[in-house]
Amino acid sequence: MKKYKNCITYGTFDLFHYGHGRLIRRIDKYCENLIVGISTDEFNKLKNKKAFDNYLIRSENILNSHPIVKKVVKEINWEQKINDIKDYKIDCFIMGSDWKGKFDFLNNYCDVIYLSRTPFISSTYLRSKKMQEDVDLKKNT
């Protein structure tokens, strides 16, 4: 397996869970330095996505998750990826397999790798569980 100098990945990384940690540990096998683009709260609104944790909490969770994470950058739009690859001298762009094929155009700038997702866990699932717990709590008070 080729070891890259600088890799980048993007995501919301809401309600940091073992699937996120597993992704970062797996990326560690591919590169020396990882930059993580984290969707801002404003960008999430444009994507019709609501994060439970705000951008600052999500950024801190990622920065503290593994020593390979060297920097967190704000993901503010879909179009910034090419500039980020150039600005941060990225050798490899890595995303989860749920995005397979969507970023192949970045192969003109760096290698693109899609890693399989961790089964049976997602932030969407955890958010729905938290919302149900809140509803149950309100019913019982």
Protein backbone atom coordinates (compact mmCIF):
# COMPACT_ATOMS: atom_id res chain seq x y z
CA MET A 1 0.00 0.00 0.00
CA LYS A 2 1.31 3.40 -1.00
CA LYS A 3 1.94 5.81 1.87
CA TYR A 4 1.03 9.39 0.98
CA LYS A 5 2.48 12.50 2.59
CA ASN A 6 -0.73 14.54 2.83
CA CYS A 7 -4.33 13.33 2.67
CA ILE A 8 -7.64 15.10 3.08
CA THR A 9 -11.15 13.95 3.91
CA TYR A 10 -14.39 15.82 4.43
CA GLY A 11 -17.54 15.35 6.44
CA THR A 12 -19.87 16.69 9.08
CA PHE A 13 -18.54 14.31 11.77
CA ASP A 14 -21.54 14.89 13.99
CA LEU A 15 -21.89 13.01 17.29
CA PHE A 16 -18.38 11.59 16.97
CA HIS A 17 -18.65 7.80 17.10
CA TYR A 18 -16.55 4.69 16.60
CA GLY A 19 -17.22 4.74 12.84
CA HIS A 20 -15.52 8.14 12.62
CA GLY A 21 -12.62 6.92 14.75
CA ARG A 22 -12.28 3.80 12.63
CA LEU A 23 -12.20 5.88 9.43
CA ILE A 24 -9.39 8.04 10.79
CA ARG A 25 -7.40 5.02 12.02
CA ARG A 26 -7.78 3.43 8.59
CA ILE A 27 -6.67 6.64 6.86
CA ASP A 28 -3.58 6.55 9.10
CA LYS A 29 -2.41 3.52 7.10
CA TYR A 30 -2.45 5.61 3.92
CA CYS A 31 -0.75 8.84 4.92
CA GLU A 32 1.53 10.73 7.25
CA ASN A 33 -0.60 13.86 7.69
CA LEU A 34 -4.37 14.19 7.55
CA ILE A 35 -6.35 17.36 7.02
CA VAL A 36 -10.05 17.10 7.78
CA GLY A 37 -12.56 19.42 6.16
CA ILE A 38 -15.53 19.73 8.48
CA SER A 39 -18.80 21.10 7.17
CA THR A 40 -19.70 24.37 8.83
CA ASP A 41 -23.13 24.81 10.36
CA GLU A 42 -23.98 27.20 7.51
CA PHE A 43 -22.90 24.71 4.83
CA ASN A 44 -24.93 21.99 6.54
CA LYS A 45 -28.01 24.25 6.29
CA LEU A 46 -27.42 24.58 2.53
CA LYS A 47 -27.26 20.76 2.35
CA ASN A 48 -30.53 20.55 4.37
CA LYS A 49 -28.59 18.82 7.11
CA LYS A 50 -28.84 19.61 10.82
CA ALA A 51 -25.95 18.61 13.06
CA PHE A 52 -26.54 17.93 16.73
CA ASP A 53 -23.11 19.32 17.70
CA ASN A 54 -21.96 22.70 16.46
CA TYR A 55 -18.91 23.19 14.24
CA LEU A 56 -16.55 23.99 17.13
CA ILE A 57 -17.39 20.82 19.05
CA ARG A 58 -17.15 18.68 15.91
CA SER A 59 -13.75 20.23 15.09
CA GLU A 60 -12.40 19.60 18.58
CA ASN A 61 -13.61 16.00 18.47
CA ILE A 62 -11.74 15.39 15.21
CA LEU A 63 -8.56 17.19 16.31
CA ASN A 64 -8.45 15.13 19.49
CA SER A 65 -9.31 11.83 17.83
CA HIS A 66 -5.90 10.76 16.48
CA PRO A 67 -2.37 12.21 16.13
CA ILE A 68 -2.52 11.88 12.33
CA VAL A 69 -5.04 14.75 12.21
CA LYS A 70 -2.81 17.77 11.72
CA LYS A 71 -5.38 20.37 10.79
CA VAL A 72 -9.10 20.99 10.53
CA VAL A 73 -10.41 23.30 7.81
CA LYS A 74 -13.89 24.68 7.32
CA GLU A 75 -15.86 23.08 4.52
CA ILE A 76 -18.02 25.96 3.33
CA ASN A 77 -19.03 24.74 -0.14
CA TRP A 78 -18.74 21.81 -2.57
CA GLU A 79 -16.42 23.67 -4.91
CA GLN A 80 -13.53 24.31 -2.49
CA LYS A 81 -12.01 20.83 -2.75
CA ILE A 82 -9.78 21.54 -5.76
CA ASN A 83 -8.37 24.66 -4.10
CA ASP A 84 -7.84 22.79 -0.81
CA ILE A 85 -5.96 20.04 -2.66
CA LYS A 86 -3.70 22.63 -4.28
CA ASP A 87 -3.29 24.86 -1.21
CA TYR A 88 -2.45 22.00 1.19
CA LYS A 89 -0.37 19.99 -1.33
CA ILE A 90 -2.66 16.98 -1.01
CA ASP A 91 -1.50 13.67 -2.50
CA CYS A 92 -4.67 11.70 -1.75
CA PHE A 93 -8.34 12.49 -1.23
CA ILE A 94 -10.12 9.88 0.92
CA MET A 95 -13.86 9.49 1.49
CA GLY A 96 -16.29 6.83 2.63
CA SER A 97 -17.66 4.39 0.10
CA ASP A 98 -21.09 6.03 0.27
CA TRP A 99 -19.50 8.74 -1.92
CA LYS A 100 -18.00 6.27 -4.41
CA GLY A 101 -17.61 7.85 -7.85
CA LYS A 102 -18.77 11.32 -6.76
CA PHE A 103 -15.24 12.71 -6.47
CA ASP A 104 -13.48 10.84 -9.27
CA PHE A 105 -12.95 14.17 -11.07
CA LEU A 106 -10.37 14.97 -8.37
CA ASN A 107 -8.11 12.27 -9.88
CA ASN A 108 -6.83 15.10 -12.09
CA TYR A 109 -5.27 16.64 -8.95
CA CYS A 110 -4.46 13.73 -6.61
CA ASP A 111 -5.29 10.08 -6.00
CA VAL A 112 -8.84 9.37 -4.81
CA ILE A 113 -9.64 6.49 -2.46
CA TYR A 114 -13.04 5.39 -1.13
CA LEU A 115 -12.97 3.36 2.09
CA SER A 116 -15.85 1.12 3.13
CA ARG A 117 -18.10 2.50 5.84
CA THR A 118 -18.35 0.99 9.27
CA PRO A 119 -21.57 -1.02 9.32
CA PHE A 120 -24.40 -0.49 11.80
CA ILE A 121 -23.42 3.05 12.87
CA SER A 122 -24.02 6.54 11.52
CA SER A 123 -24.55 10.03 12.86
CA THR A 124 -28.02 10.00 11.27
CA TYR A 125 -28.92 6.93 13.32
CA LEU A 126 -27.52 8.45 16.53
CA ARG A 127 -29.37 11.75 15.95
CA SER A 128 -32.66 9.89 15.49
CA LYS A 129 -32.03 7.92 18.72
CA LYS A 130 -31.26 11.16 20.61
CA MET A 131 -34.40 12.82 19.28
CA GLN A 132 -36.50 9.81 20.32
CA GLU A 133 -34.92 9.91 23.79
CA ASP A 134 -35.84 13.62 24.05
CA VAL A 135 -39.44 12.84 23.03
CA ASP A 136 -39.63 10.01 25.58
CA LEU A 137 -38.20 12.28 28.29
CA LYS A 138 -40.80 14.97 27.57
CA LYS A 139 -43.59 12.41 27.72
CA ASN A 140 -42.42 11.25 31.14
CA THR A 141 -42.15 14.71 32.69
